[in-house]
Protein backbone atom coordinates (compact mmCIF):
# COMPACT_ATOMS: atom_id res chain seq x y z
CA MET A 1 -8.40 9.55 8.10
CA THR A 2 -8.98 8.86 4.77
CA ILE A 3 -9.04 11.57 2.00
CA GLY A 4 -10.78 10.91 -1.30
CA PRO A 5 -14.66 10.41 -2.51
CA ASP A 6 -16.42 7.86 -0.24
CA GLU A 7 -17.44 4.64 -1.60
CA THR A 8 -18.53 2.32 1.51
CA GLY A 9 -19.24 -0.77 -0.39
CA ALA A 10 -22.09 -1.10 2.12
CA LEU A 11 -23.24 -4.71 2.46
CA PRO A 12 -26.75 -5.36 2.14
CA LEU A 13 -28.91 -5.58 5.29
CA GLY A 14 -28.86 -8.91 6.84
CA GLU A 15 -25.63 -10.10 5.43
CA GLN A 16 -22.75 -10.74 7.46
CA THR A 17 -20.96 -7.37 8.35
CA GLU A 18 -17.53 -8.67 10.26
CA TRP A 19 -15.15 -11.50 9.83
CA THR A 20 -12.72 -13.04 11.99
CA ALA A 21 -9.20 -13.82 10.84
CA THR A 22 -6.07 -15.33 12.85
CA VAL A 23 -2.49 -14.15 12.73
CA VAL A 24 -0.28 -16.47 11.37
CA GLY A 25 2.91 -14.26 10.85
CA ALA A 26 3.85 -11.25 11.98
CA HIS A 27 7.46 -9.86 10.31
CA ARG A 28 9.04 -6.96 11.84
CA LEU A 29 11.09 -5.66 8.88
CA ARG A 30 11.79 -2.23 10.45
CA ASP A 31 11.80 -0.49 13.96
CA ASP A 32 8.63 0.99 12.78
CA THR A 33 7.37 -1.35 10.48
CA THR A 34 5.75 -4.96 10.42
CA VAL A 35 4.31 -7.09 7.73
CA VAL A 36 1.32 -8.90 9.18
CA ARG A 37 -0.38 -12.01 7.58
CA LEU A 38 -3.40 -14.14 8.45
CA ILE A 39 -5.77 -16.58 7.60
CA GLY A 40 -9.61 -16.43 8.01
CA GLU A 41 -13.17 -15.87 7.18
CA PHE A 42 -13.82 -15.09 3.19
CA VAL A 43 -13.84 -11.01 3.52
CA PRO A 44 -15.77 -9.83 0.46
CA PHE A 45 -13.95 -6.65 -0.17
CA ALA A 46 -12.33 -5.22 -3.48
CA ALA A 47 -8.68 -4.97 -4.39
CA GLY A 48 -7.43 -1.46 -3.52
CA GLN A 49 -9.87 -1.34 -0.80
CA SER A 50 -9.21 -1.08 3.00
CA VAL A 51 -10.92 -2.54 6.03
CA GLU A 52 -11.67 -1.70 9.55
CA VAL A 53 -9.43 -3.86 12.21
CA ARG A 54 -9.59 -4.56 16.12
CA THR A 55 -7.01 -6.37 17.37
CA PRO A 56 -6.92 -7.99 20.92
CA GLN A 57 -4.51 -5.58 22.02
CA HIS A 58 -6.61 -2.82 21.73
CA PRO A 59 -10.49 -4.62 21.15
CA ASN A 60 -12.01 -1.12 21.46
CA MET A 61 -9.97 0.81 18.87
CA VAL A 62 -10.43 0.67 15.13
CA ARG A 63 -7.87 0.80 12.61
CA ARG A 64 -8.30 0.96 9.03
CA LEU A 65 -5.94 -0.87 6.96
CA TYR A 66 -5.27 -1.80 3.50
CA SER A 67 -4.70 -5.33 2.21
CA ALA A 68 -1.90 -6.29 0.35
CA LEU A 69 -3.16 -8.80 -1.36
CA PRO A 70 -6.29 -9.20 -3.40
CA PRO A 71 -9.72 -10.97 -1.86
CA SER A 72 -9.32 -14.91 -1.73
CA LEU A 73 -11.54 -17.69 -0.75
CA ASP A 74 -9.11 -19.00 1.75
CA GLY A 75 -9.26 -16.06 3.28
CA LYS A 76 -5.68 -14.66 3.47
CA LEU A 77 -5.25 -11.38 4.28
CA GLU A 78 -2.02 -9.31 4.63
CA PHE A 79 -1.33 -5.92 6.15
CA HIS A 80 1.75 -3.67 6.13
CA VAL A 81 1.60 -1.74 9.69
CA ARG A 82 4.18 1.41 10.07
CA THR A 83 3.77 3.23 13.39
CA LEU A 84 1.92 6.70 13.13
CA PRO A 85 3.01 9.39 15.74
CA GLY A 86 1.07 9.44 18.79
CA GLY A 87 -0.85 5.95 17.19
CA TRP A 88 -1.18 3.85 20.00
CA CYS A 89 -3.10 0.95 17.99
CA SER A 90 -0.22 0.98 15.04
CA GLY A 91 2.47 0.83 17.45
CA THR A 92 1.17 -1.86 19.39
CA ILE A 93 0.62 -3.90 16.11
CA VAL A 94 4.01 -3.23 15.16
CA SER A 95 5.61 -4.39 18.51
CA ASP A 96 2.93 -6.70 19.68
CA ALA A 97 1.24 -8.52 17.04
CA HIS A 98 1.93 -12.48 17.45
CA PRO A 99 0.73 -15.76 15.65
CA GLY A 100 -2.44 -16.51 17.21
CA ASP A 101 -4.16 -13.59 17.74
CA GLU A 102 -7.65 -13.00 16.59
CA TRP A 103 -8.69 -10.16 14.91
CA ARG A 104 -11.89 -8.80 13.92
CA ILE A 105 -12.19 -7.66 9.93
CA SER A 106 -15.26 -5.00 9.01
CA ALA A 107 -16.46 -2.29 6.98
CA PRO A 108 -14.38 -2.81 3.13
CA ALA A 109 -14.42 0.73 1.67
CA GLY A 110 -12.35 2.54 -0.84
CA TRP A 111 -12.30 3.61 -4.42
CA LEU A 112 -8.55 2.72 -5.60
CA ALA A 113 -9.17 0.87 -8.67
CA VAL A 114 -7.75 0.05 -12.16
CA GLU A 115 -10.55 0.83 -14.78
CA PRO A 116 -11.21 -2.31 -17.12
CA ASP A 117 -10.23 -0.43 -20.20
CA ALA A 118 -7.42 1.05 -18.68
CA THR A 119 -4.09 1.01 -21.10
CA ASP A 120 -1.72 3.07 -19.36
CA VAL A 121 -1.49 3.32 -15.19
CA VAL A 122 0.60 5.17 -12.79
CA MET A 123 0.74 3.95 -9.37
CA ILE A 124 2.24 6.36 -6.82
CA ALA A 125 2.68 4.88 -3.28
CA ASP A 126 4.08 6.61 -0.33
CA GLY A 127 5.64 4.22 2.50
CA VAL A 128 2.86 1.66 3.36
CA GLY A 129 0.73 3.32 0.97
CA LEU A 130 2.44 0.68 -0.94
CA ALA A 131 -0.25 -2.26 0.22
CA PRO A 132 -3.28 -1.49 -1.81
CA MET A 133 -0.80 -0.82 -5.13
CA ARG A 134 0.64 -4.49 -4.51
CA ALA A 135 -3.01 -5.85 -4.26
CA LEU A 136 -3.79 -4.00 -7.26
CA LEU A 137 -0.86 -5.61 -9.24
CA LEU A 138 -1.69 -8.86 -8.23
CA ASP A 139 -5.55 -8.52 -9.37
CA LEU A 140 -4.28 -6.79 -12.48
CA ALA A 141 -1.85 -10.07 -13.31
CA ARG A 142 -5.13 -12.25 -13.48
CA ARG A 143 -6.24 -10.18 -16.45
CA GLU A 144 -5.70 -11.34 -19.74
CA GLN A 145 -4.02 -7.99 -20.90
CA PRO A 146 -2.75 -6.10 -18.13
CA PRO A 147 -2.06 -2.28 -19.01
CA ARG A 148 1.15 -1.20 -18.99
CA THR A 149 1.81 0.10 -15.39
CA HIS A 150 4.50 2.38 -13.54
CA LEU A 151 4.82 2.07 -9.99
CA PHE A 152 6.80 4.54 -8.05
CA VAL A 153 6.88 3.91 -4.53
CA GLY A 154 8.74 6.64 -2.52
CA GLY A 155 10.45 6.91 1.23
CA ARG A 156 12.55 9.25 2.74
CA TYR A 157 15.71 6.89 2.49
CA PRO A 158 16.83 3.67 0.53
CA ARG A 159 16.03 2.03 3.92
CA ASP A 160 12.20 3.01 3.72
CA LEU A 161 11.92 0.95 1.00
CA TYR A 162 10.87 -2.18 3.32
CA ALA A 163 9.84 -4.30 -0.08
CA SER A 164 12.28 -3.28 -2.37
CA ASP A 165 13.24 -7.02 -2.89
CA MET A 166 9.65 -8.11 -3.72
CA LEU A 167 8.97 -5.19 -6.15
CA PHE A 168 12.37 -6.16 -7.87
CA LEU A 169 11.10 -9.56 -8.37
CA LEU A 170 8.01 -9.07 -9.17
CA ALA A 171 8.87 -6.45 -11.84
CA GLY A 172 11.07 -9.08 -13.17
CA GLU A 173 8.11 -11.65 -13.54
CA LEU A 174 5.41 -9.22 -14.97
CA PRO A 175 6.79 -7.72 -18.25
CA TRP A 176 3.97 -4.83 -18.11
CA LEU A 177 5.22 -3.64 -14.83
CA THR A 178 8.16 -1.07 -14.16
CA VAL A 179 8.88 -0.22 -10.58
CA VAL A 180 10.76 3.30 -9.49
CA PRO A 181 12.02 3.60 -6.65
CA VAL A 182 11.78 7.17 -4.84
CA VAL A 183 13.97 8.51 -2.21
CA GLN A 184 14.59 12.09 -0.62
CA ASP A 185 17.99 11.13 0.55
CA GLU A 186 20.20 8.80 -1.64
CA TYR A 187 21.92 7.25 1.33
CA ASP A 188 20.59 5.92 4.64
CA PRO A 189 21.32 7.76 8.14
CA ASP A 190 23.85 6.65 10.23
CA LEU A 191 21.16 5.16 12.75
CA THR A 192 20.81 1.68 13.90
CA ASP A 193 17.65 -0.36 13.30
CA PRO A 194 18.66 -3.81 14.21
CA TRP A 195 15.38 -5.19 12.68
CA TYR A 196 16.33 -3.55 9.02
CA GLU A 197 19.84 -5.18 10.27
CA GLN A 198 18.07 -8.65 10.39
CA CYS A 199 16.31 -8.97 7.59
CA ARG A 200 18.71 -6.79 5.04
CA VAL A 201 19.11 -8.94 1.50
CA ASP A 202 21.22 -8.32 -1.30
CA ILE A 203 18.29 -8.40 -3.85
CA GLY A 204 16.87 -4.65 -4.59
CA PHE A 205 17.39 -1.62 -6.28
CA ARG A 206 20.93 -0.24 -6.56
CA PRO A 207 21.29 3.71 -5.79
CA GLU A 208 21.71 4.79 -9.41
CA GLU A 209 18.21 3.12 -10.13
CA MET A 210 16.28 5.28 -7.86
CA MET A 211 14.60 8.53 -8.56
CA PRO A 212 15.73 11.41 -6.39
CA GLY A 213 13.14 13.85 -4.48
CA THR A 214 9.49 13.18 -3.05
CA ILE A 215 6.29 11.45 -4.79
CA ALA A 216 5.01 15.01 -5.26
CA ASP A 217 8.13 15.57 -8.06
CA ILE A 218 6.69 12.39 -10.23
CA PRO A 219 4.09 14.66 -12.18
CA GLU A 220 6.76 17.43 -13.23
CA ARG A 221 9.36 14.81 -14.24
CA PHE A 222 6.92 12.22 -16.06
CA GLY A 223 4.08 14.13 -17.20
CA PRO A 224 2.00 15.28 -18.52
CA LEU A 225 0.33 12.12 -17.56
CA ASP A 226 -2.88 13.01 -20.03
CA HIS A 227 -4.06 9.23 -20.76
CA HIS A 228 -3.07 7.49 -17.87
CA GLN A 229 -4.89 6.36 -15.24
CA ILE A 230 -3.69 7.59 -11.96
CA LEU A 231 -3.29 6.23 -8.29
CA VAL A 232 -1.98 7.92 -5.32
CA CYS A 233 -1.85 6.61 -1.57
CA GLY A 234 0.18 7.36 1.17
CA ALA A 235 0.47 9.61 4.01
CA ALA A 236 -2.42 12.36 3.55
CA ALA A 237 -0.03 15.58 3.24
CA LYS A 238 2.06 13.92 0.39
CA VAL A 239 -0.73 12.98 -1.05
CA ARG A 240 -2.27 16.37 -1.44
CA ASN A 241 0.77 17.75 -2.74
CA THR A 242 1.08 14.94 -5.60
CA ILE A 243 -2.56 15.59 -6.59
CA ASP A 244 -1.86 19.29 -6.77
CA GLN A 245 1.07 18.40 -8.90
CA LEU A 246 -0.71 16.50 -11.22
CA VAL A 247 -3.57 19.01 -11.58
CA ALA A 248 -0.75 21.66 -12.22
CA ILE A 249 0.35 19.28 -15.11
CA GLY A 250 -2.78 19.00 -16.57
CA ALA A 251 -3.60 15.44 -15.36
CA PRO A 252 -7.59 15.06 -16.09
CA ALA A 253 -9.14 14.96 -12.46
CA GLU A 254 -11.63 12.12 -13.46
CA ALA A 255 -8.44 9.84 -14.13
CA ILE A 256 -7.03 9.93 -10.48
CA ARG A 257 -7.95 8.13 -7.50
CA TYR A 258 -6.38 8.63 -4.04
CA GLU A 259 -6.63 8.09 -0.53
CA GLY A 260 -4.49 9.45 2.22
CA PHE A 261 -4.13 8.23 5.55
């Protein structure tokens, strides 16, 4: 379920409303998290939007996912999928997505976007809520003068920051981007996750570079944020708490765009 104002981005009648794409890579990064890359027909969505997907494992079930790439004419898509409690479709994607699977894509929608005249942007991502923010960052990089952007990405433990190496490199390449990891616990739990161990890399953020707390603590820590455009995406409850805190510190409501799942 998505929270936030509805912008369907509906296409005019008579135009194509469903597209196909083929999985070319399914990279399981955690026991509960997979990055799926596809190539197929061009899908006319906007960076920051989500789309409905149907997979061959559950052809009659619809799952709404955010592309982590902006739209491209060569039909490349990337989805970050995390298992939801009781989520049959997400669990199957994480465990059973394979190269060669054909996905059906439809219904681009959403209102996460950076205004053309924005000069300071704050992006707050919880878990795989990072995906639309990453698409927006890559889209902003195409601008002649990208806005100063702070990306806060949250997780329970450092190991939940599944894309820390990519964000570390991205921040190094984009001088207008600052990335701040946010974790509730500084140290990982004593649990075995073979997928995490297999893809563990040295590139990333050190514990002292991580902000302790949750994404709902960001507004009070970095407020007042009264001249920023603010985007928030993640688990619905955490997004609601974060929006409450933003409003409490006086962030203008018209400057906030948010979606939760």
